[in-house]
Amino acid sequence: MPRNDILVRPLEETDLSGADRIFRLAFGTFLRVPDPLAFGGDADYVRTRWAADPSAAFAAESGGELVGSNFVTRWGSVGFFGPLTVRPDLWDQGIARRMLERTMELFTTWGTRHLGLFTFAHSPKHVALYQKYGFWPRFLTAIMSRLLETSARNAVFFRFSEVPPNRRADALRECRELTDAIYQGLDLEHEIRAVDEQQLGDTVLLRDDHGLAAMAVCHCGPGTEAGSGACYVKFGAVRPGAGAGEIFERLLDACEALAAGRGLSRIVAGVNMARIEAYRRMLAHGLRIDFQGVAMHSRNDAGYNRPDVYVIDDWR
């Protein structure tokens, strides 16, 4: 039965430890992890997302206690949310719906055009909940990884962290122009800045004779969305056009070289299977599926999930 005492408010810094605990407990319980609080290891999805934009994080409170949270992300014209978690002993009492109401209001305020989320493909309950808010299941999203070789493949690339301060606006503009060519208004400045300011990893930049050819925002190691030993490619994109597939392979090499240079042993990257050419290239590169979920899109809009688009992301 829905609770009538739920307050949805901004998530505060003092809530972060409690929100992290609920996040781990909720996912660990749902996935039947022997010790639910061990879910995620030393990866961090709560503090890093709150720090990136505190105004886009919601807390659910009942009886003066924190009982859930949700994080909303804006990539220019694209928006998604999650992780949305509720304390397991309070599941099915309308708390997630209350947070979703505030989430949809925020999307309206932002004016985002393409909205979505990542959820469990095997859970009718999750799919049914999000359908009530106009989200519809589309293609599977594969979360893939591979162990790195002792010696990384040769790769020539630049790091955003190495760009001089007086050139960073130009670098961000180039990234925006690249992603806008894939989907109008898609802009990763939010993620690039968050990774740089929080020192979560780095952004890989590949150039050719025509300018910026590809970019990838990477989290590296513990205290990030990657966790110990891993480099997680949160977003990667290649300029559309001739030769995009070959540039995509160079981008994967560059991400692996970034990881190897930091002493990491594994690369992790997600791809929506509607981007079939990117998925095939990742398989050929040696990445294998660890698990998969389903992308749900508002209005069943395809967005930038097209066969010829070389984009890495998974909306977790």
C-alpha atoms as a PDB file:
ATOM      1  CA  MET A   1       0.000   0.000   0.000  1.00  0.00           C
ATOM      2  CA  PRO A   2       1.378   3.466  -0.887  1.00  0.00           C
ATOM      3  CA  ARG A   3       2.706   5.470   2.028  1.00  0.00           C
ATOM      4  CA  ASN A   4       1.293   8.956   2.557  1.00  0.00           C
ATOM      5  CA  ASP A   5       4.200  10.358   4.575  1.00  0.00           C
ATOM      6  CA  ILE A   6       6.855  10.475   1.847  1.00  0.00           C
ATOM      7  CA  LEU A   7       8.782  13.707   1.400  1.00  0.00           C
ATOM      8  CA  VAL A   8      10.917  14.081  -1.731  1.00  0.00           C
ATOM      9  CA  ARG A   9      13.580  16.761  -1.325  1.00  0.00           C
ATOM     10  CA  PRO A  10      17.083  17.588  -2.578  1.00  0.00           C
ATOM     11  CA  LEU A  11      19.732  15.103  -1.491  1.00  0.00           C
ATOM     12  CA  GLU A  12      22.150  16.809   0.892  1.00  0.00           C
ATOM     13  CA  GLU A  13      25.811  16.076   1.533  1.00  0.00           C
ATOM     14  CA  THR A  14      24.923  14.757   4.989  1.00  0.00           C
ATOM     15  CA  ASP A  15      22.696  12.135   3.286  1.00  0.00           C
ATOM     16  CA  LEU A  16      25.450  10.606   1.167  1.00  0.00           C
ATOM     17  CA  SER A  17      26.568   7.826   3.511  1.00  0.00           C
ATOM     18  CA  GLY A  18      22.977   6.750   4.060  1.00  0.00           C
ATOM     19  CA  ALA A  19      22.182   6.968   0.340  1.00  0.00           C
ATOM     20  CA  ASP A  20      25.249   4.878  -0.504  1.00  0.00           C
ATOM     21  CA  ARG A  21      24.189   2.237   2.007  1.00  0.00           C
ATOM     22  CA  ILE A  22      20.654   2.068   0.610  1.00  0.00           C
ATOM     23  CA  PHE A  23      22.026   1.903  -2.949  1.00  0.00           C
ATOM     24  CA  ARG A  24      24.193  -1.116  -2.109  1.00  0.00           C
ATOM     25  CA  LEU A  25      21.562  -2.796   0.049  1.00  0.00           C
ATOM     26  CA  ALA A  26      18.844  -2.396  -2.595  1.00  0.00           C
ATOM     27  CA  PHE A  27      20.853  -3.717  -5.549  1.00  0.00           C
ATOM     28  CA  GLY A  28      22.551  -6.383  -3.463  1.00  0.00           C
ATOM     29  CA  THR A  29      19.193  -7.621  -2.170  1.00  0.00           C
ATOM     30  CA  PHE A  30      17.546  -7.640  -5.606  1.00  0.00           C
ATOM     31  CA  LEU A  31      20.496  -9.479  -7.168  1.00  0.00           C
ATOM     32  CA  ARG A  32      20.757 -11.872  -4.181  1.00  0.00           C
ATOM     33  CA  VAL A  33      24.337 -11.009  -3.342  1.00  0.00           C
ATOM     34  CA  PRO A  34      25.310 -13.034  -0.224  1.00  0.00           C
ATOM     35  CA  ASP A  35      26.338  -9.831   1.557  1.00  0.00           C
ATOM     36  CA  PRO A  36      24.105  -7.182  -0.037  1.00  0.00           C
ATOM     37  CA  LEU A  37      26.138  -4.288   1.374  1.00  0.00           C
ATOM     38  CA  ALA A  38      29.178  -5.596  -0.536  1.00  0.00           C
ATOM     39  CA  PHE A  39      27.463  -4.839  -3.841  1.00  0.00           C
ATOM     40  CA  GLY A  40      29.621  -2.628  -6.045  1.00  0.00           C
ATOM     41  CA  GLY A  41      32.813  -3.118  -4.057  1.00  0.00           C
ATOM     42  CA  ASP A  42      34.762   0.133  -3.831  1.00  0.00           C
ATOM     43  CA  ALA A  43      33.067   1.713  -6.858  1.00  0.00           C
ATOM     44  CA  ASP A  44      31.134   4.904  -6.094  1.00  0.00           C
ATOM     45  CA  TYR A  45      27.948   5.916  -7.876  1.00  0.00           C
ATOM     46  CA  VAL A  46      26.485   8.101  -5.128  1.00  0.00           C
ATOM     47  CA  ARG A  47      29.064  10.669  -4.039  1.00  0.00           C
ATOM     48  CA  THR A  48      30.453  11.181  -7.534  1.00  0.00           C
ATOM     49  CA  ARG A  49      27.039  11.832  -9.100  1.00  0.00           C
ATOM     50  CA  TRP A  50      25.946  14.090  -6.272  1.00  0.00           C
ATOM     51  CA  ALA A  51      29.160  16.119  -6.574  1.00  0.00           C
ATOM     52  CA  ALA A  52      28.677  16.447 -10.336  1.00  0.00           C
ATOM     53  CA  ASP A  53      25.312  18.193  -9.848  1.00  0.00           C
ATOM     54  CA  PRO A  54      23.754  18.348  -6.352  1.00  0.00           C
ATOM     55  CA  SER A  55      20.658  20.044  -7.784  1.00  0.00           C
ATOM     56  CA  ALA A  56      19.854  16.894  -9.786  1.00  0.00           C
ATOM     57  CA  ALA A  57      19.861  14.448  -6.871  1.00  0.00           C
ATOM     58  CA  PHE A  58      16.703  13.609  -4.918  1.00  0.00           C
ATOM     59  CA  ALA A  59      16.160  12.092  -1.483  1.00  0.00           C
ATOM     60  CA  ALA A  60      13.033  10.296  -0.303  1.00  0.00           C
ATOM     61  CA  GLU A  61      12.315  10.700   3.395  1.00  0.00           C
ATOM     62  CA  SER A  62       9.781   8.964   5.628  1.00  0.00           C
ATOM     63  CA  GLY A  63       9.347   9.642   9.316  1.00  0.00           C
ATOM     64  CA  GLY A  64      12.426  11.827   9.228  1.00  0.00           C
ATOM     65  CA  GLU A  65      14.578   8.975   7.862  1.00  0.00           C
ATOM     66  CA  LEU A  66      16.242   8.685   4.457  1.00  0.00           C
ATOM     67  CA  VAL A  67      14.579   5.808   2.600  1.00  0.00           C
ATOM     68  CA  GLY A  68      15.695   6.273  -1.005  1.00  0.00           C
ATOM     69  CA  SER A  69      17.450   8.411  -3.598  1.00  0.00           C
ATOM     70  CA  ASN A  70      17.598   9.112  -7.311  1.00  0.00           C
ATOM     71  CA  PHE A  71      20.210  10.790  -9.513  1.00  0.00           C
ATOM     72  CA  VAL A  72      19.335  12.613 -12.726  1.00  0.00           C
ATOM     73  CA  THR A  73      21.841  13.332 -15.481  1.00  0.00           C
ATOM     74  CA  ARG A  74      21.703  15.843 -18.332  1.00  0.00           C
ATOM     75  CA  TRP A  75      23.901  15.496 -21.398  1.00  0.00           C
ATOM     76  CA  GLY A  76      22.636  18.566 -23.219  1.00  0.00           C
ATOM     77  CA  SER A  77      19.447  17.527 -25.019  1.00  0.00           C
ATOM     78  CA  VAL A  78      19.674  14.010 -23.551  1.00  0.00           C
ATOM     79  CA  GLY A  79      18.603  13.097 -20.031  1.00  0.00           C
ATOM     80  CA  PHE A  80      18.511   9.887 -18.030  1.00  0.00           C
ATOM     81  CA  PHE A  81      18.147   8.877 -14.402  1.00  0.00           C
ATOM     82  CA  GLY A  82      19.503   6.354 -11.950  1.00  0.00           C
ATOM     83  CA  PRO A  83      20.488   4.708  -9.830  1.00  0.00           C
ATOM     84  CA  LEU A  84      17.032   5.009  -8.273  1.00  0.00           C
ATOM     85  CA  THR A  85      16.972   2.968  -5.072  1.00  0.00           C
ATOM     86  CA  VAL A  86      14.608   2.411  -2.142  1.00  0.00           C
ATOM     87  CA  ARG A  87      15.303   0.634   1.147  1.00  0.00           C
ATOM     88  CA  PRO A  88      14.238  -2.993   0.573  1.00  0.00           C
ATOM     89  CA  ASP A  89      11.887  -3.204   3.572  1.00  0.00           C
ATOM     90  CA  LEU A  90       9.875  -0.354   2.004  1.00  0.00           C
ATOM     91  CA  TRP A  91       9.612  -1.672  -1.559  1.00  0.00           C
ATOM     92  CA  ASP A  92       6.205  -1.516  -3.307  1.00  0.00           C
ATOM     93  CA  GLN A  93       4.951   1.366  -1.149  1.00  0.00           C
ATOM     94  CA  GLY A  94       4.977   4.114  -3.801  1.00  0.00           C
ATOM     95  CA  ILE A  95       8.324   5.679  -2.845  1.00  0.00           C
ATOM     96  CA  ALA A  96       9.917   5.186  -6.271  1.00  0.00           C
ATOM     97  CA  ARG A  97       6.860   6.748  -7.902  1.00  0.00           C
ATOM     98  CA  ARG A  98       7.159   9.858  -5.771  1.00  0.00           C
ATOM     99  CA  MET A  99      10.791  10.289  -6.808  1.00  0.00           C
ATOM    100  CA  LEU A 100       9.889   9.660 -10.448  1.00  0.00           C
ATOM    101  CA  GLU A 101       7.313  12.438 -10.324  1.00  0.00           C
ATOM    102  CA  ARG A 102      10.011  14.914  -9.280  1.00  0.00           C
ATOM    103  CA  THR A 103      12.379  13.474 -11.872  1.00  0.00           C
ATOM    104  CA  MET A 104       9.906  14.039 -14.713  1.00  0.00           C
ATOM    105  CA  GLU A 105       9.314  17.586 -13.501  1.00  0.00           C
ATOM    106  CA  LEU A 106      13.055  18.218 -13.666  1.00  0.00           C
ATOM    107  CA  PHE A 107      13.258  16.902 -17.227  1.00  0.00           C
ATOM    108  CA  THR A 108      10.464  19.295 -18.176  1.00  0.00           C
ATOM    109  CA  THR A 109      12.314  22.198 -16.576  1.00  0.00           C
ATOM    110  CA  TRP A 110      15.500  21.293 -18.436  1.00  0.00           C
ATOM    111  CA  GLY A 111      13.694  20.861 -21.757  1.00  0.00           C
ATOM    112  CA  THR A 112      15.570  17.655 -22.569  1.00  0.00           C
ATOM    113  CA  ARG A 113      14.367  15.978 -25.767  1.00  0.00           C
ATOM    114  CA  HIS A 114      15.600  12.398 -25.504  1.00  0.00           C
ATOM    115  CA  LEU A 115      14.969  10.691 -22.146  1.00  0.00           C
ATOM    116  CA  GLY A 116      15.803   7.219 -20.954  1.00  0.00           C
ATOM    117  CA  LEU A 117      17.074   4.807 -18.336  1.00  0.00           C
ATOM    118  CA  PHE A 118      18.798   1.454 -17.896  1.00  0.00           C
ATOM    119  CA  THR A 119      17.018  -1.271 -15.961  1.00  0.00           C
ATOM    120  CA  PHE A 120      16.906  -5.016 -15.426  1.00  0.00           C
ATOM    121  CA  ALA A 121      15.735  -6.782 -18.568  1.00  0.00           C
ATOM    122  CA  HIS A 122      14.499  -9.764 -16.538  1.00  0.00           C
ATOM    123  CA  SER A 123      12.318  -7.736 -14.134  1.00  0.00           C
ATOM    124  CA  PRO A 124       8.680  -7.231 -15.218  1.00  0.00           C
ATOM    125  CA  LYS A 125       8.161  -5.059 -12.126  1.00  0.00           C
ATOM    126  CA  HIS A 126      10.810  -2.541 -13.116  1.00  0.00           C
ATOM    127  CA  VAL A 127       9.672  -2.405 -16.735  1.00  0.00           C
ATOM    128  CA  ALA A 128       6.030  -1.945 -15.717  1.00  0.00           C
ATOM    129  CA  LEU A 129       6.897   0.871 -13.294  1.00  0.00           C
ATOM    130  CA  TYR A 130       8.773   2.911 -15.873  1.00  0.00           C
ATOM    131  CA  GLN A 131       6.129   2.315 -18.536  1.00  0.00           C
ATOM    132  CA  LYS A 132       3.711   4.234 -16.310  1.00  0.00           C
ATOM    133  CA  TYR A 133       5.902   7.294 -16.931  1.00  0.00           C
ATOM    134  CA  GLY A 134       6.063   6.890 -20.698  1.00  0.00           C
ATOM    135  CA  PHE A 135       9.291   4.881 -20.965  1.00  0.00           C
ATOM    136  CA  TRP A 136       9.296   1.856 -23.262  1.00  0.00           C
ATOM    137  CA  PRO A 137      11.803  -1.001 -23.499  1.00  0.00           C
ATOM    138  CA  ARG A 138      13.891  -1.096 -26.634  1.00  0.00           C
ATOM    139  CA  PHE A 139      17.230  -2.818 -27.298  1.00  0.00           C
ATOM    140  CA  LEU A 140      19.414  -4.610 -24.795  1.00  0.00           C
ATOM    141  CA  THR A 141      22.482  -2.813 -23.484  1.00  0.00           C
ATOM    142  CA  ALA A 142      25.563  -4.991 -23.016  1.00  0.00           C
ATOM    143  CA  ILE A 143      28.023  -4.218 -20.218  1.00  0.00           C
ATOM    144  CA  MET A 144      31.278  -5.642 -21.568  1.00  0.00           C
ATOM    145  CA  SER A 145      34.830  -6.015 -20.319  1.00  0.00           C
ATOM    146  CA  ARG A 146      38.173  -7.573 -21.033  1.00  0.00           C
ATOM    147  CA  LEU A 147      41.418  -8.090 -19.173  1.00  0.00           C
ATOM    148  CA  LEU A 148      44.246  -5.974 -20.530  1.00  0.00           C
ATOM    149  CA  GLU A 149      47.350  -7.477 -22.038  1.00  0.00           C
ATOM    150  CA  THR A 150      50.671  -7.047 -20.260  1.00  0.00           C
ATOM    151  CA  SER A 151      51.732  -4.526 -22.879  1.00  0.00           C
ATOM    152  CA  ALA A 152      49.005  -2.182 -24.107  1.00  0.00           C
ATOM    153  CA  ARG A 153      48.481  -1.722 -27.818  1.00  0.00           C
ATOM    154  CA  ASN A 154      50.165   1.300 -29.361  1.00  0.00           C
ATOM    155  CA  ALA A 155      47.884   4.303 -29.235  1.00  0.00           C
ATOM    156  CA  VAL A 156      48.456   7.989 -29.872  1.00  0.00           C
ATOM    157  CA  PHE A 157      45.983  10.182 -28.034  1.00  0.00           C
ATOM    158  CA  PHE A 158      45.612  13.282 -25.904  1.00  0.00           C
ATOM    159  CA  ARG A 159      44.190  13.693 -22.409  1.00  0.00           C
ATOM    160  CA  PHE A 160      41.816  16.474 -21.416  1.00  0.00           C
ATOM    161  CA  SER A 161      43.823  16.901 -18.220  1.00  0.00           C
ATOM    162  CA  GLU A 162      46.804  17.929 -20.365  1.00  0.00           C
ATOM    163  CA  VAL A 163      44.931  20.648 -22.239  1.00  0.00           C
ATOM    164  CA  PRO A 164      46.129  24.092 -21.062  1.00  0.00           C
ATOM    165  CA  PRO A 165      43.477  26.069 -19.162  1.00  0.00           C
ATOM    166  CA  ASN A 166      43.264  28.698 -21.910  1.00  0.00           C
ATOM    167  CA  ARG A 167      42.455  25.979 -24.493  1.00  0.00           C
ATOM    168  CA  ARG A 168      39.898  23.987 -22.549  1.00  0.00           C
ATOM    169  CA  ALA A 169      36.909  25.941 -23.825  1.00  0.00           C
ATOM    170  CA  ASP A 170      38.026  25.083 -27.364  1.00  0.00           C
ATOM    171  CA  ALA A 171      38.428  21.403 -26.468  1.00  0.00           C
ATOM    172  CA  LEU A 172      34.937  21.301 -24.942  1.00  0.00           C
ATOM    173  CA  ARG A 173      33.530  23.039 -28.033  1.00  0.00           C
ATOM    174  CA  GLU A 174      35.134  20.392 -30.269  1.00  0.00           C
ATOM    175  CA  CYS A 175      33.640  17.615 -28.154  1.00  0.00           C
ATOM    176  CA  ARG A 176      30.243  19.292 -28.350  1.00  0.00           C
ATOM    177  CA  GLU A 177      30.455  19.620 -32.134  1.00  0.00           C
ATOM    178  CA  LEU A 178      31.357  15.942 -32.439  1.00  0.00           C
ATOM    179  CA  THR A 179      28.456  14.710 -30.292  1.00  0.00           C
ATOM    180  CA  ASP A 180      26.022  17.196 -31.869  1.00  0.00           C
ATOM    181  CA  ALA A 181      26.801  15.589 -35.239  1.00  0.00           C
ATOM    182  CA  ILE A 182      25.561  12.293 -33.759  1.00  0.00           C
ATOM    183  CA  TYR A 183      22.457  13.661 -32.046  1.00  0.00           C
ATOM    184  CA  GLN A 184      21.421  17.312 -32.025  1.00  0.00           C
ATOM    185  CA  GLY A 185      22.174  18.902 -28.669  1.00  0.00           C
ATOM    186  CA  LEU A 186      24.062  15.932 -27.175  1.00  0.00           C
ATOM    187  CA  ASP A 187      26.761  17.504 -24.995  1.00  0.00           C
ATOM    188  CA  LEU A 188      29.145  15.732 -22.587  1.00  0.00           C
ATOM    189  CA  GLU A 189      30.668  18.831 -20.987  1.00  0.00           C
ATOM    190  CA  HIS A 190      28.944  17.898 -17.701  1.00  0.00           C
ATOM    191  CA  GLU A 191      30.742  14.535 -17.568  1.00  0.00           C
ATOM    192  CA  ILE A 192      34.088  15.823 -18.817  1.00  0.00           C
ATOM    193  CA  ARG A 193      34.176  18.519 -16.162  1.00  0.00           C
ATOM    194  CA  ALA A 194      32.981  16.175 -13.402  1.00  0.00           C
ATOM    195  CA  VAL A 195      35.749  13.667 -14.153  1.00  0.00           C
ATOM    196  CA  ASP A 196      38.373  16.411 -14.297  1.00  0.00           C
ATOM    197  CA  GLU A 197      37.260  18.340 -11.204  1.00  0.00           C
ATOM    198  CA  GLN A 198      36.776  15.232  -9.044  1.00  0.00           C
ATOM    199  CA  GLN A 199      39.900  13.547 -10.472  1.00  0.00           C
ATOM    200  CA  LEU A 200      37.913  10.433 -11.318  1.00  0.00           C
ATOM    201  CA  GLY A 201      39.953   9.579 -14.411  1.00  0.00           C
ATOM    202  CA  ASP A 202      40.411  11.444 -17.679  1.00  0.00           C
ATOM    203  CA  THR A 203      38.884  12.156 -21.076  1.00  0.00           C
ATOM    204  CA  VAL A 204      40.632  10.640 -24.095  1.00  0.00           C
ATOM    205  CA  LEU A 205      40.847  12.818 -27.218  1.00  0.00           C
ATOM    206  CA  LEU A 206      41.777  11.458 -30.664  1.00  0.00           C
ATOM    207  CA  ARG A 207      42.662  13.841 -33.478  1.00  0.00           C
ATOM    208  CA  ASP A 208      43.270  13.495 -37.202  1.00  0.00           C
ATOM    209  CA  ASP A 209      43.750  15.841 -40.147  1.00  0.00           C
ATOM    210  CA  HIS A 210      40.104  16.936 -39.872  1.00  0.00           C
ATOM    211  CA  GLY A 211      40.155  17.809 -36.160  1.00  0.00           C
ATOM    212  CA  LEU A 212      38.687  15.887 -33.237  1.00  0.00           C
ATOM    213  CA  ALA A 213      37.915  12.360 -34.441  1.00  0.00           C
ATOM    214  CA  ALA A 214      36.805  10.719 -31.172  1.00  0.00           C
ATOM    215  CA  MET A 215      36.522  11.210 -27.434  1.00  0.00           C
ATOM    216  CA  ALA A 216      35.902   9.051 -24.380  1.00  0.00           C
ATOM    217  CA  VAL A 217      35.156   9.943 -20.759  1.00  0.00           C
ATOM    218  CA  CYS A 218      36.816   7.374 -18.499  1.00  0.00           C
ATOM    219  CA  HIS A 219      36.562   6.595 -14.773  1.00  0.00           C
ATOM    220  CA  CYS A 220      39.637   4.901 -13.336  1.00  0.00           C
ATOM    221  CA  GLY A 221      40.032   2.876 -10.163  1.00  0.00           C
ATOM    222  CA  PRO A 222      38.493   2.910  -6.662  1.00  0.00           C
ATOM    223  CA  GLY A 223      36.170   5.684  -5.555  1.00  0.00           C
ATOM    224  CA  THR A 224      34.839   6.114  -9.099  1.00  0.00           C
ATOM    225  CA  GLU A 225      32.203   4.291 -11.126  1.00  0.00           C
ATOM    226  CA  ALA A 226      34.941   1.880 -12.245  1.00  0.00           C
ATOM    227  CA  GLY A 227      36.187   0.371  -8.979  1.00  0.00           C
ATOM    228  CA  SER A 228      39.567  -1.180  -8.222  1.00  0.00           C
ATOM    229  CA  GLY A 229      41.594  -2.405 -11.166  1.00  0.00           C
ATOM    230  CA  ALA A 230      39.183  -1.128 -13.798  1.00  0.00           C
ATOM    231  CA  CYS A 231      38.841   1.634 -16.352  1.00  0.00           C
ATOM    232  CA  TYR A 232      35.161   2.282 -17.084  1.00  0.00           C
ATOM    233  CA  VAL A 233      34.345   4.091 -20.325  1.00  0.00           C
ATOM    234  CA  LYS A 234      31.277   6.028 -19.245  1.00  0.00           C
ATOM    235  CA  PHE A 235      30.877   7.639 -22.649  1.00  0.00           C
ATOM    236  CA  GLY A 236      32.751   7.380 -25.918  1.00  0.00           C
ATOM    237  CA  ALA A 237      31.935   8.672 -29.376  1.00  0.00           C
ATOM    238  CA  VAL A 238      33.402   8.783 -32.872  1.00  0.00           C
ATOM    239  CA  ARG A 239      32.769  11.482 -35.473  1.00  0.00           C
ATOM    240  CA  PRO A 240      30.249  10.153 -38.019  1.00  0.00           C
ATOM    241  CA  GLY A 241      31.371   9.483 -41.553  1.00  0.00           C
ATOM    242  CA  ALA A 242      33.865   7.478 -43.573  1.00  0.00           C
ATOM    243  CA  GLY A 243      36.318   5.466 -41.527  1.00  0.00           C
ATOM    244  CA  ALA A 244      34.326   5.726 -38.289  1.00  0.00           C
ATOM    245  CA  GLY A 245      34.729   2.019 -37.561  1.00  0.00           C
ATOM    246  CA  GLU A 246      38.509   2.159 -37.770  1.00  0.00           C
ATOM    247  CA  ILE A 247      38.598   5.286 -35.587  1.00  0.00           C
ATOM    248  CA  PHE A 248      36.406   3.444 -33.054  1.00  0.00           C
ATOM    249  CA  GLU A 249      39.007   0.702 -32.806  1.00  0.00           C
ATOM    250  CA  ARG A 250      41.690   3.342 -32.237  1.00  0.00           C
ATOM    251  CA  LEU A 251      39.517   4.819 -29.480  1.00  0.00           C
ATOM    252  CA  LEU A 252      39.272   1.442 -27.752  1.00  0.00           C
ATOM    253  CA  ASP A 253      43.063   1.115 -27.997  1.00  0.00           C
ATOM    254  CA  ALA A 254      43.473   4.599 -26.488  1.00  0.00           C
ATOM    255  CA  CYS A 255      41.173   3.807 -23.555  1.00  0.00           C
ATOM    256  CA  GLU A 256      43.145   0.642 -22.885  1.00  0.00           C
ATOM    257  CA  ALA A 257      46.414   2.576 -23.050  1.00  0.00           C
ATOM    258  CA  LEU A 258      45.018   5.102 -20.561  1.00  0.00           C
ATOM    259  CA  ALA A 259      44.077   2.223 -18.256  1.00  0.00           C
ATOM    260  CA  ALA A 260      47.441   0.493 -18.589  1.00  0.00           C
ATOM    261  CA  GLY A 261      49.232   3.761 -17.878  1.00  0.00           C
ATOM    262  CA  ARG A 262      47.387   3.938 -14.561  1.00  0.00           C
ATOM    263  CA  GLY A 263      48.235   0.370 -13.638  1.00  0.00           C
ATOM    264  CA  LEU A 264      44.707  -0.924 -14.221  1.00  0.00           C
ATOM    265  CA  SER A 265      44.017  -4.459 -15.419  1.00  0.00           C
ATOM    266  CA  ARG A 266      40.544  -4.347 -16.967  1.00  0.00           C
ATOM    267  CA  ILE A 267      38.513  -2.213 -19.356  1.00  0.00           C
ATOM    268  CA  VAL A 268      34.715  -1.956 -18.925  1.00  0.00           C
ATOM    269  CA  ALA A 269      32.351  -0.403 -21.478  1.00  0.00           C
ATOM    270  CA  GLY A 270      28.649  -0.585 -22.282  1.00  0.00           C
ATOM    271  CA  VAL A 271      26.956  -0.405 -25.667  1.00  0.00           C
ATOM    272  CA  ASN A 272      23.357  -0.414 -26.778  1.00  0.00           C
ATOM    273  CA  MET A 273      22.919  -3.303 -29.203  1.00  0.00           C
ATOM    274  CA  ALA A 274      20.965  -1.117 -31.609  1.00  0.00           C
ATOM    275  CA  ARG A 275      24.425   0.283 -32.438  1.00  0.00           C
ATOM    276  CA  ILE A 276      25.203  -3.047 -34.029  1.00  0.00           C
ATOM    277  CA  GLU A 277      28.423  -2.029 -35.785  1.00  0.00           C
ATOM    278  CA  ALA A 278      29.917  -0.662 -32.553  1.00  0.00           C
ATOM    279  CA  TYR A 279      28.855  -3.827 -30.718  1.00  0.00           C
ATOM    280  CA  ARG A 280      30.470  -6.031 -33.368  1.00  0.00           C
ATOM    281  CA  ARG A 281      33.710  -4.046 -33.247  1.00  0.00           C
ATOM    282  CA  MET A 282      33.808  -4.374 -29.473  1.00  0.00           C
ATOM    283  CA  LEU A 283      33.367  -8.139 -29.726  1.00  0.00           C
ATOM    284  CA  ALA A 284      36.130  -8.299 -32.323  1.00  0.00           C
ATOM    285  CA  HIS A 285      38.319  -6.240 -29.995  1.00  0.00           C
ATOM    286  CA  GLY A 286      38.040  -8.949 -27.361  1.00  0.00           C
ATOM    287  CA  LEU A 287      35.382  -7.511 -25.049  1.00  0.00           C
ATOM    288  CA  ARG A 288      32.797  -9.956 -23.725  1.00  0.00           C
ATOM    289  CA  ILE A 289      29.419  -9.446 -22.054  1.00  0.00           C
ATOM    290  CA  ASP A 290      29.442  -9.482 -18.245  1.00  0.00           C
ATOM    291  CA  PHE A 291      25.721  -8.762 -17.936  1.00  0.00           C
ATOM    292  CA  GLN A 292      23.017  -6.936 -19.822  1.00  0.00           C
ATOM    293  CA  GLY A 293      20.033  -4.733 -19.178  1.00  0.00           C
ATOM    294  CA  VAL A 294      17.450  -2.989 -21.280  1.00  0.00           C
ATOM    295  CA  ALA A 295      17.338   0.655 -22.322  1.00  0.00           C
ATOM    296  CA  MET A 296      13.913   2.255 -21.905  1.00  0.00           C
ATOM    297  CA  HIS A 297      13.189   5.416 -23.871  1.00  0.00           C
ATOM    298  CA  SER A 298      10.529   8.055 -23.400  1.00  0.00           C
ATOM    299  CA  ARG A 299       7.978   7.994 -26.240  1.00  0.00           C
ATOM    300  CA  ASN A 300       9.861   4.971 -27.639  1.00  0.00           C
ATOM    301  CA  ASP A 301      12.179   7.468 -29.359  1.00  0.00           C
ATOM    302  CA  ALA A 302      15.258   5.846 -30.914  1.00  0.00           C
ATOM    303  CA  GLY A 303      17.487   8.810 -30.103  1.00  0.00           C
ATOM    304  CA  TYR A 304      21.038   8.118 -31.271  1.00  0.00           C
ATOM    305  CA  ASN A 305      20.702   4.327 -31.178  1.00  0.00           C
ATOM    306  CA  ARG A 306      21.275   3.667 -34.863  1.00  0.00           C
ATOM    307  CA  PRO A 307      23.281   0.872 -36.532  1.00  0.00           C
ATOM    308  CA  ASP A 308      25.952   3.230 -37.900  1.00  0.00           C
ATOM    309  CA  VAL A 309      26.544   5.194 -34.658  1.00  0.00           C
ATOM    310  CA  TYR A 310      29.778   4.477 -32.798  1.00  0.00           C
ATOM    311  CA  VAL A 311      28.915   5.467 -29.244  1.00  0.00           C
ATOM    312  CA  ILE A 312      29.771   3.799 -25.927  1.00  0.00           C
ATOM    313  CA  ASP A 313      27.419   4.383 -23.002  1.00  0.00           C
ATOM    314  CA  ASP A 314      24.988   2.406 -20.852  1.00  0.00           C
ATOM    315  CA  TRP A 315      22.937   4.861 -18.701  1.00  0.00           C
ATOM    316  CA  ARG A 316      23.471   2.933 -15.450  1.00  0.00           C
END
